[in-house]
Structures are given as structure tokens and as C-alpha cells.
Amino acid sequence: MTSPTPGPVDRPLDPALWPTSTAVGPDGAVSLGGVDLRALAAEHGTPAYVLDEVDFRRRARVFREEFGRAFAAIGTEVDVYYAGKAFLSTAVARWAAEEGLRIDTATGGELAVALRAGVPGEHIGLHGNNKSDAEIRRALDAGVGRLVLDSLPEVDRVAAAAAAAGVRAPVMVRVTTGVHAGGHEYISTAHEDQKFGLSVAGGQALEALEAVLARPELDLVGIHSHIGSQILDPSGFTVATRRILELRALLAERTGHLVREVDLGGGYGIAYLPGEVPLDPAEVADGMAAAVAAVCAELGTPVPRVSIEPGRAVVGPTTVTLYTVGTVKPVVVDGDGDGDQQGPDGPAEDDRTFTRTYVSVDGGMSDNLRPALYGARYSAALVNRAGGADAVRARVVGKHCESGDVVVHDVQLPADVRAGDLLAVPATGAYGRSMASNYNLVPRPPVLAVRDGEVRVLVRRETEDDLLALDMG
């Protein structure tokens, strides 16, 4: 990755945040996948999600190869599941499958996209804490490789559906290990007081596993765990791995059935801000494989087949959201001046009077809900030219009727940022388009794939006609 000619606010773009094909020309203009973002905006408009196909394929391949290597060393195989909830289109599902990944779906809609892409049913999993009867039937008809059961009543529901379809349903039981991990309470998924899974400590997990074994319509494929999302400390995986393998051994002791697979989840964190360090796939793979081997040796059980779900780590860093600047408004923020809030260099922000430049763009919380939902932090950069002035403290905001419609809370931008400039927010491949809405009746942006100087529309831009077509008058 190259940087522009040095200027007052020009600095190299942090490669941990931006797609690997990102390049900055001598005039400060940024290209992605060999495509000048100025030309892309002129042809396709903004806002737009711009996805680097080569980078996506590379990241998918790295996870498959590194985890395959690490687990082969302990005598077993591993399957890597791409998280459809992060972002799914037929092209992306096809890319993931071509790079050797399986697809994890959580709804009938995600299942429909994976099937439309030609992903074999046996390479698809269906999650969900409240699957409908129609979703269960469709999964069975498609021959999915696993339905992940999330509650005791679901055991009987899936067994009944399998009997009606004349098939034996492959199922896993999702358990909660009590390990708390993730970047926000809403995305930490293995503590007991939340909607997912069955508690190991409370005994419900073992009860569900035994209930599955009692139903001839069900084939117990394995045990599933997911401890959270945006995880940057891998130590939680080691603890969760032990608890899952101990549960597997206890089930074998009680029933004589040793499940053949465990899913160790994922949710590996990525970098969103300069200086952040994402989890390294090779290091995580080695650590998890070592933990599985050690615990199985201690328990005297064979090493199981393993599956993992990297989550946002595949698609998140491959995509930027491109915006056009509209209103630019300096706002004087008055501190209270009482000196009670101290930072490392003196009074903290709450105590100082300062000017923040509000930079409004043509998107917002309708194309990236995470800042409003989780308080998620992002970065941004001017991408159509080099900055011609000193940096100012800026906040990038959207066009929606909410004061919480913030795209980037705090970022340094050139003081001469102006209407018509292009800003790009990196690391938006996960949960940007998939959480997008039509709030304020704003059409959702397109997803544009770039590769070798070419642009391909993966998901077209919505239009007002699309919105009106749903309104029955």
C-alpha cells in the first residue's frame, strides 16, 4: 500500500484497516482493486459499498489453509464456515465456496441466497434461536449439513419435521459455556443470561444432547459453541474449548455416544481504528489446535473433527463505504471548565472548549447501524484528493433525523474538507449492508466488487420505485 505525497494531514493509510489493493496516488486520490474511487463514484454514485474481491478470496483462503494446517498436525480435519449474517450475496457465497469455505446461515433468506449461489446443501448450516417451521422444512429439503438446535422444544420440532419429510436430520446442539467475550454486551453470546444456546453449567445442554439421542429421526452431528463477536483476546477460546470437550466426554460416559464434531465458534476481531491489531489466523489456529489436543489427551478421548466460524474477519476488512460530503459545519463545544475531568495531557474533552467540525455525508445509520447500535468506532479518509490544510477534529455524520446518526465519532480530516469531496470509511464489509435499512425512506446503497481495474455490481442500488412498489396504497 502506498501513501500520498506528504502534506499537512497526509499520512499512510493503516493497512490493517484497508483492503490489500488500496493505493494512494501522488495527487492523494485513492484506488481500490485498480479502480479510482473518483471514477467509481462518478459512474455508480454514492453512498456505495466497495468490495475488493481478491482480498475477500485471500482472507477466506488464509483461514482455510491455516486452520487446516494446524488441525492436521493433531490428526483431524477442520471446516471453516463463512458467516452469512456478516454479508451475503450470491456472488459472495460462490466466492466463499470456491475458496473451500462452507456457509453458515441464520434465516430462510440467507439459506435461499446460499442455495441460489449453488452451494451444496451439505456445506450449509442453519442457525437461529426461533426457526420457523417453514425454515426447518426448507433446510431439510435442501439437505443441509447441520441444523443447530437452540432450545429443548426445538428437539421435538425438528424431529417431527424430519419424520414428516422421511429423512434423518443432522443436528448440533448449541451450548453456552459461560465464557464472556466480544466487543459489546449485545454481541457476547456465551453467558447464560441471553437468548442463545443451552447452559452447560445449568445442565440444559446435557439434557438436550440426551434428548436428541433419544430421537431416531435425529443424527447428533456434534456440539456447537459461539462465545461472542469482535474478539481480540483468544484466551476465551481455550476456556470454552475445555468446557465443550468435557461435555462431550461426559455425554459419552453417560450414553456411550461420542459426538464426532465440535464447533468452536469464532467471531475473530478485526481492526477498525488506526493502531488496532486484528487476530492473526495462524496464531489462533495453532492455539486452538493445541488446546483441543491437550484436553482430549487429558480426557482420554479421540480428537474430534472441528469447525470454526471466523465471522466478520473474512469480509469486514475487504470493503469500504464511499460517501460524498454535503454540509460542513464547525461547532463550538463548551466544556464546563470545572477541572474535574482529567486526561493524560490535562483537562479531558468534557472540560475544554473546542471546535468540532461536523461533516455530513449522503448516507448514515441506514447504511451503517453499528455506531448507533453498539457505539462502534470507525475511521475515515479523504479519498478524492490530498488534503491542502492542517487537520481538524471532525465528526462524520449522516443525513437522518437522529442526533445519534454518527458514522465516525472522532477523526482528523483536512480543514479544507468541503462539499463534493469523497470520504471512505474502511472495515465496513461486515454488517454494513446486512443491517442496512430504509430509515427516512432512503434507498439502500449498492455493493460493488472491484478487481483488476473492473467494477461489477453485486447488489444494485435500491430506487424510490423499489420503495413504492411495497406500498399498497
Protein backbone atom coordinates (compact mmCIF):
# COMPACT_ATOMS: atom_id res chain seq x y z
CA MET A 1 0.00 0.00 0.00
CA THR A 2 1.39 3.39 -0.96
CA SER A 3 0.88 6.75 0.67
CA PRO A 4 0.36 10.14 -0.95
CA THR A 5 2.97 12.84 -1.24
CA PRO A 6 3.43 14.09 2.35
CA GLY A 7 1.38 17.16 3.27
CA PRO A 8 -0.07 18.76 6.38
CA VAL A 9 -2.53 15.93 7.05
CA ASP A 10 -1.45 13.27 4.57
CA ARG A 11 -0.30 10.07 6.23
CA PRO A 12 -0.20 6.44 5.11
CA LEU A 13 -3.46 4.55 5.35
CA ASP A 14 -3.18 1.86 8.02
CA PRO A 15 -3.02 -1.44 6.09
CA ALA A 16 -4.79 -3.25 8.93
CA LEU A 17 -7.95 -1.24 8.16
CA TRP A 18 -7.98 -1.04 4.38
CA PRO A 19 -8.31 -3.73 1.67
CA THR A 20 -4.97 -5.02 0.46
CA SER A 21 -5.33 -3.48 -3.01
CA THR A 22 -5.69 0.05 -1.62
CA ALA A 23 -3.29 2.52 -3.25
CA VAL A 24 -2.91 6.27 -2.96
CA GLY A 25 -1.67 8.23 -5.93
CA PRO A 26 0.61 11.28 -5.93
CA ASP A 27 -2.45 13.55 -6.06
CA GLY A 28 -3.90 11.91 -2.96
CA ALA A 29 -6.66 10.06 -4.81
CA VAL A 30 -7.31 6.52 -3.61
CA SER A 31 -7.89 3.49 -5.79
CA LEU A 32 -9.17 0.06 -4.82
CA GLY A 33 -8.75 -3.07 -6.91
CA GLY A 34 -7.17 -0.89 -9.58
CA VAL A 35 -10.25 1.35 -9.73
CA ASP A 36 -10.00 5.07 -8.99
CA LEU A 37 -12.72 5.78 -6.42
CA ARG A 38 -13.45 9.11 -8.11
CA ALA A 39 -14.34 7.34 -11.34
CA LEU A 40 -16.36 4.74 -9.46
CA ALA A 41 -18.37 7.44 -7.69
CA ALA A 42 -18.96 9.31 -10.95
CA GLU A 43 -20.35 6.20 -12.63
CA HIS A 44 -22.20 4.48 -9.78
CA GLY A 45 -22.94 7.27 -7.33
CA THR A 46 -22.65 7.35 -3.55
CA PRO A 47 -23.06 6.06 -0.97
CA ALA A 48 -21.73 2.69 -2.11
CA TYR A 49 -20.10 -0.34 -0.56
CA VAL A 50 -16.91 -1.15 -2.48
CA LEU A 51 -15.62 -4.71 -2.01
CA ASP A 52 -12.19 -5.98 -3.03
CA GLU A 53 -12.84 -9.46 -4.46
CA VAL A 54 -9.19 -10.55 -4.46
CA ASP A 55 -8.82 -9.56 -0.81
CA PHE A 56 -12.00 -11.46 0.12
CA ARG A 57 -10.76 -14.61 -1.58
CA ARG A 58 -7.33 -14.25 0.01
CA ARG A 59 -8.73 -13.93 3.53
CA ALA A 60 -11.05 -16.90 3.03
CA ARG A 61 -8.13 -18.97 1.76
CA VAL A 62 -5.89 -17.97 4.67
CA PHE A 63 -8.42 -19.19 7.23
CA ARG A 64 -8.95 -22.48 5.40
CA GLU A 65 -5.23 -23.12 4.94
CA GLU A 66 -4.02 -22.06 8.39
CA PHE A 67 -6.70 -23.91 10.34
CA GLY A 68 -6.35 -26.92 8.05
CA ARG A 69 -2.60 -26.97 8.69
CA ALA A 70 -2.92 -26.57 12.46
CA PHE A 71 -5.56 -29.26 12.94
CA ALA A 72 -3.93 -31.68 10.51
CA ALA A 73 -0.95 -31.57 12.86
CA ILE A 74 -3.11 -33.07 15.63
CA GLY A 75 -4.66 -35.66 13.34
CA THR A 76 -8.03 -34.18 12.46
CA GLU A 77 -9.81 -32.04 9.90
CA VAL A 78 -11.46 -28.66 10.18
CA ASP A 79 -14.31 -26.97 8.32
CA VAL A 80 -14.43 -23.18 8.07
CA TYR A 81 -17.90 -21.62 7.86
CA TYR A 82 -18.38 -18.21 6.32
CA ALA A 83 -20.82 -16.07 8.34
CA GLY A 84 -23.71 -15.27 6.04
CA LYS A 85 -25.05 -12.75 8.56
CA ALA A 86 -21.98 -10.54 8.07
CA PHE A 87 -22.78 -10.05 4.38
CA LEU A 88 -24.24 -12.45 1.86
CA SER A 89 -24.97 -12.23 -1.84
CA THR A 90 -24.96 -14.96 -4.44
CA ALA A 91 -21.55 -13.88 -5.72
CA VAL A 92 -20.01 -13.74 -2.25
CA ALA A 93 -21.47 -17.13 -1.31
CA ARG A 94 -20.00 -18.53 -4.53
CA TRP A 95 -16.58 -17.00 -3.82
CA ALA A 96 -16.56 -18.47 -0.32
CA ALA A 97 -17.49 -21.92 -1.65
CA GLU A 98 -14.86 -21.72 -4.39
CA GLU A 99 -12.22 -20.96 -1.73
CA GLY A 100 -13.21 -24.05 0.26
CA LEU A 101 -15.45 -22.46 2.89
CA ARG A 102 -18.88 -23.63 3.97
CA ILE A 103 -21.76 -21.24 4.62
CA ASP A 104 -23.40 -20.51 7.95
CA THR A 105 -26.96 -19.18 7.63
CA ALA A 106 -29.35 -17.92 10.30
CA THR A 107 -32.59 -17.36 8.39
CA GLY A 108 -34.57 -18.66 5.45
CA GLY A 109 -33.44 -15.65 3.43
CA GLU A 110 -29.75 -16.39 3.97
CA LEU A 111 -30.40 -20.04 3.17
CA ALA A 112 -32.14 -19.03 -0.06
CA VAL A 113 -29.14 -16.94 -1.15
CA ALA A 114 -26.66 -19.74 -0.42
CA LEU A 115 -28.76 -22.23 -2.37
CA ARG A 116 -29.20 -19.81 -5.26
CA ALA A 117 -25.41 -19.49 -5.39
CA GLY A 118 -25.14 -23.24 -5.93
CA VAL A 119 -23.60 -24.06 -2.55
CA PRO A 120 -24.24 -27.77 -1.87
CA GLY A 121 -26.77 -28.33 0.89
CA GLU A 122 -24.36 -30.46 2.90
CA HIS A 123 -21.98 -27.47 3.07
CA ILE A 124 -24.61 -25.21 4.65
CA GLY A 125 -25.59 -24.87 8.30
CA LEU A 126 -28.78 -23.31 9.65
CA HIS A 127 -28.72 -21.45 12.96
CA GLY A 128 -31.41 -19.48 14.74
CA ASN A 129 -33.00 -19.29 18.16
CA ASN A 130 -36.53 -19.17 16.70
CA LYS A 131 -36.57 -21.04 13.40
CA SER A 132 -39.96 -21.20 11.73
CA ASP A 133 -41.47 -24.49 10.63
CA ALA A 134 -41.02 -23.33 7.04
CA GLU A 135 -37.31 -22.66 7.59
CA ILE A 136 -36.81 -26.07 9.15
CA ARG A 137 -38.64 -27.81 6.29
CA ARG A 138 -36.65 -25.91 3.69
CA ALA A 139 -33.37 -26.79 5.37
CA LEU A 140 -34.32 -30.48 5.42
CA ASP A 141 -35.45 -30.36 1.79
CA ALA A 142 -32.11 -28.77 0.84
CA GLY A 143 -30.16 -31.46 2.69
CA VAL A 144 -28.24 -29.03 4.90
CA GLY A 145 -25.24 -30.46 6.67
CA ARG A 146 -26.46 -29.38 10.09
CA LEU A 147 -29.33 -27.69 11.87
CA VAL A 148 -28.09 -26.08 15.05
CA LEU A 149 -30.66 -26.62 17.80
CA ASP A 150 -31.02 -23.76 20.24
CA SER A 151 -33.62 -24.95 22.75
CA LEU A 152 -35.21 -28.09 24.16
CA PRO A 153 -38.56 -27.62 22.35
CA GLU A 154 -36.68 -27.45 19.06
CA VAL A 155 -35.55 -31.06 19.51
CA ASP A 156 -39.10 -32.29 19.14
CA ARG A 157 -39.98 -29.78 16.40
CA VAL A 158 -37.07 -30.78 14.18
CA ALA A 159 -37.65 -34.48 14.87
CA ALA A 160 -41.29 -34.12 13.81
CA ALA A 161 -40.31 -32.23 10.66
CA ALA A 162 -37.71 -34.87 9.80
CA ALA A 163 -40.25 -37.66 10.29
CA ALA A 164 -42.72 -35.86 8.01
CA ALA A 165 -40.01 -35.41 5.37
CA GLY A 166 -38.84 -39.01 5.65
CA VAL A 167 -35.25 -38.03 6.45
CA ARG A 168 -32.86 -38.21 9.37
CA ALA A 169 -31.91 -34.68 10.29
CA PRO A 170 -28.25 -33.90 11.08
CA VAL A 171 -28.23 -31.64 14.15
CA MET A 172 -25.84 -29.93 16.52
CA VAL A 173 -26.78 -28.55 19.93
CA ARG A 174 -25.66 -25.01 20.69
CA VAL A 175 -24.37 -24.67 24.22
CA THR A 176 -23.39 -21.70 26.36
CA THR A 177 -20.09 -22.22 28.13
CA GLY A 178 -20.24 -19.22 30.47
CA VAL A 179 -17.26 -17.60 28.74
CA HIS A 180 -17.83 -13.89 28.18
CA ALA A 181 -16.13 -12.47 25.11
CA GLY A 182 -16.72 -9.85 22.47
CA GLY A 183 -16.62 -6.14 21.87
CA HIS A 184 -20.05 -5.25 23.31
CA GLU A 185 -22.64 -6.82 25.60
CA TYR A 186 -25.00 -7.26 22.65
CA ILE A 187 -22.50 -9.45 20.76
CA SER A 188 -21.22 -11.51 23.69
CA THR A 189 -23.13 -14.74 23.24
CA ALA A 190 -21.92 -17.39 25.70
CA HIS A 191 -23.07 -16.00 29.04
CA GLU A 192 -26.21 -17.61 30.43
CA ASP A 193 -28.50 -14.56 30.64
CA GLN A 194 -29.19 -14.16 26.92
CA LYS A 195 -31.25 -15.78 24.20
CA PHE A 196 -28.79 -18.19 22.55
CA GLY A 197 -27.99 -21.78 23.40
CA LEU A 198 -28.33 -24.11 26.37
CA SER A 199 -26.29 -23.78 29.54
CA VAL A 200 -23.53 -26.27 30.28
CA ALA A 201 -23.36 -25.28 33.93
CA GLY A 202 -27.13 -25.40 34.35
CA GLY A 203 -27.44 -28.88 32.88
CA GLN A 204 -29.73 -27.94 29.99
CA ALA A 205 -27.05 -28.64 27.41
CA LEU A 206 -26.59 -32.24 28.54
CA GLU A 207 -30.35 -32.69 28.76
CA ALA A 208 -30.76 -31.51 25.16
CA LEU A 209 -27.97 -33.75 23.89
CA GLU A 210 -29.55 -36.79 25.54
CA ALA A 211 -32.96 -35.79 24.16
CA VAL A 212 -31.51 -35.73 20.64
CA LEU A 213 -30.01 -39.19 21.08
CA ALA A 214 -33.43 -40.46 22.14
CA ARG A 215 -34.99 -39.42 18.82
CA PRO A 216 -34.23 -41.79 15.91
CA GLU A 217 -35.24 -39.04 13.47
CA LEU A 218 -32.17 -37.02 14.53
CA ASP A 219 -28.48 -37.60 13.89
CA LEU A 220 -26.38 -35.88 16.56
CA VAL A 221 -23.53 -34.47 14.49
CA GLY A 222 -21.90 -32.57 17.32
CA ILE A 223 -21.78 -29.78 19.87
CA HIS A 224 -21.73 -26.12 18.93
CA SER A 225 -20.43 -23.11 20.84
CA HIS A 226 -20.07 -19.43 19.99
CA ILE A 227 -18.72 -17.14 22.68
CA GLY A 228 -19.05 -13.75 21.02
CA SER A 229 -18.03 -11.42 18.23
CA GLN A 230 -15.20 -8.93 17.60
CA ILE A 231 -12.95 -10.96 19.91
CA LEU A 232 -9.37 -9.68 20.10
CA ASP A 233 -8.18 -11.82 23.03
CA PRO A 234 -8.04 -15.52 22.06
CA SER A 235 -7.75 -16.81 25.64
CA GLY A 236 -11.53 -17.23 25.88
CA PHE A 237 -11.43 -19.87 23.17
CA THR A 238 -9.14 -22.05 25.28
CA VAL A 239 -11.53 -21.98 28.24
CA ALA A 240 -14.58 -22.61 26.06
CA THR A 241 -12.82 -25.47 24.24
CA ARG A 242 -12.18 -27.26 27.52
CA ARG A 243 -15.80 -26.97 28.61
CA ILE A 244 -17.14 -28.25 25.30
CA LEU A 245 -14.77 -31.23 25.22
CA GLU A 246 -15.56 -32.04 28.85
CA LEU A 247 -19.27 -32.02 27.97
CA ARG A 248 -18.54 -34.30 25.01
CA ALA A 249 -16.71 -36.75 27.28
CA LEU A 250 -19.49 -36.65 29.89
CA LEU A 251 -22.11 -37.41 27.25
CA ALA A 252 -20.03 -40.38 26.05
CA GLU A 253 -19.70 -41.63 29.62
CA ARG A 254 -23.45 -41.41 30.22
CA THR A 255 -24.72 -42.68 26.86
CA GLY A 256 -21.83 -44.37 25.08
CA HIS A 257 -22.16 -41.87 22.22
CA LEU A 258 -19.05 -39.83 21.41
CA VAL A 259 -20.03 -36.98 19.10
CA ARG A 260 -17.78 -36.75 16.10
CA GLU A 261 -17.58 -32.95 15.71
CA VAL A 262 -17.34 -29.81 17.82
CA ASP A 263 -17.82 -26.29 16.54
CA LEU A 264 -15.58 -23.86 18.42
CA GLY A 265 -17.29 -20.77 17.05
CA GLY A 266 -15.25 -17.76 16.08
CA GLY A 267 -16.08 -14.09 15.94
CA TYR A 268 -12.44 -13.11 15.41
CA GLY A 269 -11.86 -9.39 15.77
CA ILE A 270 -10.68 -7.01 13.07
CA ALA A 271 -9.11 -3.54 13.19
CA TYR A 272 -11.47 -0.58 12.97
CA LEU A 273 -9.16 2.21 14.14
CA PRO A 274 -5.53 3.01 13.29
CA GLY A 275 -3.18 1.10 15.55
CA GLU A 276 -5.59 -1.72 16.36
CA VAL A 277 -4.23 -5.23 15.79
CA PRO A 278 -6.60 -7.92 14.46
CA LEU A 279 -6.34 -11.55 15.49
CA ASP A 280 -3.83 -13.48 13.40
CA PRO A 281 -5.42 -16.60 11.85
CA ALA A 282 -2.26 -18.71 12.13
CA GLU A 283 -1.74 -17.90 15.81
CA VAL A 284 -5.39 -18.55 16.68
CA ALA A 285 -5.37 -21.81 14.73
CA ASP A 286 -2.23 -23.05 16.46
CA GLY A 287 -3.55 -22.11 19.89
CA MET A 288 -6.92 -23.74 19.38
CA ALA A 289 -5.45 -26.92 17.91
CA ALA A 290 -3.04 -27.20 20.84
CA ALA A 291 -5.92 -26.74 23.29
CA VAL A 292 -8.04 -29.43 21.61
CA ALA A 293 -5.14 -31.89 21.57
CA ALA A 294 -4.21 -31.25 25.21
CA VAL A 295 -7.75 -31.53 26.59
CA CYS A 296 -8.55 -34.66 24.58
CA ALA A 297 -5.34 -36.29 25.79
CA GLU A 298 -6.22 -35.39 29.36
CA LEU A 299 -9.75 -36.77 28.99
CA GLY A 300 -8.65 -39.86 27.07
CA THR A 301 -11.00 -39.15 24.17
CA PRO A 302 -10.22 -39.10 20.44
CA VAL A 303 -9.72 -35.73 18.83
CA PRO A 304 -12.99 -34.70 17.10
CA ARG A 305 -13.49 -33.13 13.73
CA VAL A 306 -13.60 -29.36 14.28
CA SER A 307 -15.45 -26.50 12.68
CA ILE A 308 -14.92 -22.76 13.17
CA GLU A 309 -16.70 -19.56 12.14
CA PRO A 310 -14.35 -16.59 11.60
CA GLY A 311 -17.30 -14.20 11.31
CA ARG A 312 -16.52 -10.67 10.19
CA ALA A 313 -12.81 -11.44 9.81
CA VAL A 314 -13.28 -12.65 6.23
CA VAL A 315 -15.40 -9.89 4.72
CA GLY A 316 -15.07 -6.99 7.18
CA PRO A 317 -11.69 -5.59 6.07
CA THR A 318 -12.37 -6.13 2.36
CA THR A 319 -14.89 -3.32 1.97
CA VAL A 320 -15.07 0.45 2.28
CA THR A 321 -18.17 2.61 2.23
CA LEU A 322 -17.81 5.56 -0.12
CA TYR A 323 -19.67 8.80 0.64
CA THR A 324 -19.98 12.29 -0.83
CA VAL A 325 -19.62 15.21 1.56
CA GLY A 326 -22.51 17.68 1.79
CA THR A 327 -22.70 20.19 4.64
CA VAL A 328 -19.56 21.06 6.63
CA LYS A 329 -20.30 22.88 9.90
CA PRO A 330 -17.87 23.90 12.67
CA VAL A 331 -19.48 23.62 16.11
CA VAL A 332 -18.00 25.19 19.24
CA VAL A 333 -18.26 22.73 22.12
CA ASP A 334 -18.23 24.39 25.55
CA GLY A 335 -16.58 22.46 28.38
CA ASP A 336 -17.78 23.01 31.93
CA GLY A 337 -14.32 24.18 32.98
CA ASP A 338 -14.50 22.80 36.48
CA GLY A 339 -11.33 20.76 36.08
CA ASP A 340 -12.84 17.52 37.37
CA GLN A 341 -12.22 15.53 34.19
CA GLN A 342 -8.53 14.94 33.63
CA GLY A 343 -6.90 13.21 30.71
CA PRO A 344 -3.22 12.21 30.29
CA ASP A 345 -2.36 15.64 28.85
CA GLY A 346 -4.52 17.87 31.03
CA PRO A 347 -8.25 18.51 31.16
CA ALA A 348 -10.31 15.93 29.30
CA GLU A 349 -12.65 16.76 26.45
CA ASP A 350 -15.59 17.37 28.81
CA ASP A 351 -13.64 20.20 30.46
CA ARG A 352 -12.28 22.05 27.43
CA THR A 353 -13.87 24.40 24.95
CA PHE A 354 -13.01 23.26 21.45
CA THR A 355 -14.30 23.30 17.90
CA ARG A 356 -15.52 20.13 16.26
CA THR A 357 -16.19 20.11 12.54
CA TYR A 358 -19.34 18.22 11.64
CA VAL A 359 -19.01 16.69 8.17
CA SER A 360 -22.33 15.48 6.81
CA VAL A 361 -22.37 12.76 4.17
CA ASP A 362 -25.06 11.32 1.92
CA GLY A 363 -25.57 8.14 3.95
CA GLY A 364 -25.53 7.37 7.64
CA MET A 365 -27.17 4.99 10.06
CA SER A 366 -29.25 3.46 7.26
CA ASP A 367 -26.07 2.02 5.69
CA ASN A 368 -24.05 1.51 8.90
CA LEU A 369 -26.15 0.95 12.00
CA ARG A 370 -23.31 -0.26 14.21
CA PRO A 371 -22.22 3.15 15.60
CA ALA A 372 -25.79 3.88 16.71
CA LEU A 373 -26.48 0.33 17.89
CA TYR A 374 -23.19 -0.56 19.59
CA GLY A 375 -21.31 2.72 19.80
CA ALA A 376 -18.92 1.17 17.28
CA ARG A 377 -15.92 3.29 16.29
CA TYR A 378 -14.67 3.74 12.74
CA SER A 379 -12.11 5.78 10.86
CA ALA A 380 -12.43 7.76 7.62
CA ALA A 381 -10.21 9.31 5.00
CA LEU A 382 -10.46 11.86 2.22
CA VAL A 383 -10.03 9.81 -0.96
CA ASN A 384 -10.52 12.14 -3.93
CA ARG A 385 -7.52 14.40 -3.31
CA ALA A 386 -4.72 15.22 -0.93
CA GLY A 387 -5.60 17.46 1.98
CA GLY A 388 -4.49 21.03 1.46
CA ALA A 389 -4.72 22.27 5.03
CA ASP A 390 -3.96 21.36 8.61
CA ALA A 391 -6.02 18.67 10.29
CA VAL A 392 -9.15 19.49 12.25
CA ARG A 393 -11.08 17.44 14.73
CA ALA A 394 -14.08 16.14 12.82
CA ARG A 395 -17.18 14.03 13.30
CA VAL A 396 -18.70 12.36 10.23
CA VAL A 397 -22.48 12.28 10.46
CA GLY A 398 -25.32 11.07 8.29
CA LYS A 399 -28.41 12.68 6.81
CA HIS A 400 -31.03 11.03 9.02
CA CYS A 401 -33.35 12.66 11.55
CA GLU A 402 -31.45 11.40 14.61
CA SER A 403 -28.76 13.16 16.63
CA GLY A 404 -27.22 9.69 17.09
CA ASP A 405 -26.78 9.33 13.33
CA VAL A 406 -22.99 9.27 13.58
CA VAL A 407 -20.80 7.45 11.06
CA VAL A 408 -17.39 8.25 12.59
CA HIS A 409 -17.29 9.75 16.08
CA ASP A 410 -13.83 11.31 16.00
CA VAL A 411 -11.37 11.60 13.13
CA GLN A 412 -8.74 14.01 11.85
CA LEU A 413 -9.70 15.46 8.46
CA PRO A 414 -8.22 18.31 6.40
CA ALA A 415 -9.57 21.70 7.44
CA ASP A 416 -10.47 22.37 3.82
CA VAL A 417 -12.83 19.37 3.54
CA ARG A 418 -15.77 20.62 1.52
CA ALA A 419 -18.99 19.73 -0.23
CA GLY A 420 -18.36 17.33 -3.11
CA ASP A 421 -15.33 15.65 -1.53
CA LEU A 422 -15.33 11.88 -1.24
CA LEU A 423 -14.83 10.18 2.12
CA ALA A 424 -14.30 6.45 2.57
CA VAL A 425 -14.90 4.53 5.77
CA PRO A 426 -12.91 1.27 5.87
CA ALA A 427 -13.74 -2.07 7.50
CA THR A 428 -17.45 -1.91 6.66
CA GLY A 429 -17.79 -5.23 4.85
CA ALA A 430 -19.43 -6.90 7.85
CA TYR A 431 -22.88 -5.80 8.98
CA GLY A 432 -22.99 -2.65 6.84
CA ARG A 433 -25.20 -3.83 4.01
CA SER A 434 -26.66 -6.72 6.01
CA MET A 435 -28.00 -4.36 8.73
CA ALA A 436 -28.92 -1.60 6.29
CA SER A 437 -32.42 -0.14 6.46
CA ASN A 438 -34.70 2.28 4.64
CA TYR A 439 -34.99 4.66 7.57
CA ASN A 440 -36.35 8.01 6.37
CA LEU A 441 -37.19 6.06 3.18
CA VAL A 442 -33.61 6.24 1.97
CA PRO A 443 -32.83 3.56 -0.65
CA ARG A 444 -30.03 1.17 0.33
CA PRO A 445 -26.64 1.53 -1.42
CA PRO A 446 -25.22 -0.92 -3.95
CA VAL A 447 -22.45 -3.41 -3.34
CA LEU A 448 -19.75 -3.02 -5.98
CA ALA A 449 -16.96 -5.55 -6.43
CA VAL A 450 -13.63 -4.29 -7.76
CA ARG A 451 -10.92 -6.42 -9.30
CA ASP A 452 -8.16 -5.79 -11.84
CA GLY A 453 -9.46 -2.34 -12.72
CA GLU A 454 -13.03 -3.50 -13.30
CA VAL A 455 -16.22 -2.82 -11.34
CA ARG A 456 -19.03 -5.37 -11.04
CA VAL A 457 -22.38 -4.70 -9.41
CA LEU A 458 -23.11 -7.49 -6.91
CA VAL A 459 -26.20 -5.88 -5.40
CA ARG A 460 -27.77 -2.97 -7.25
CA ARG A 461 -28.75 0.30 -5.65
CA GLU A 462 -32.32 0.47 -4.47
CA THR A 463 -34.53 3.10 -6.06
CA GLU A 464 -37.57 5.04 -4.95
CA ASP A 465 -39.57 2.79 -7.28
CA ASP A 466 -38.41 -0.19 -5.18
CA LEU A 467 -39.69 1.51 -2.05
CA LEU A 468 -43.00 2.49 -3.59
CA ALA A 469 -43.54 -1.00 -5.01
CA LEU A 470 -44.10 -2.32 -1.48
CA ASP A 471 -46.62 0.40 -0.62
CA MET A 472 -50.07 -0.99 -1.43
CA GLY A 473 -51.78 2.38 -1.09
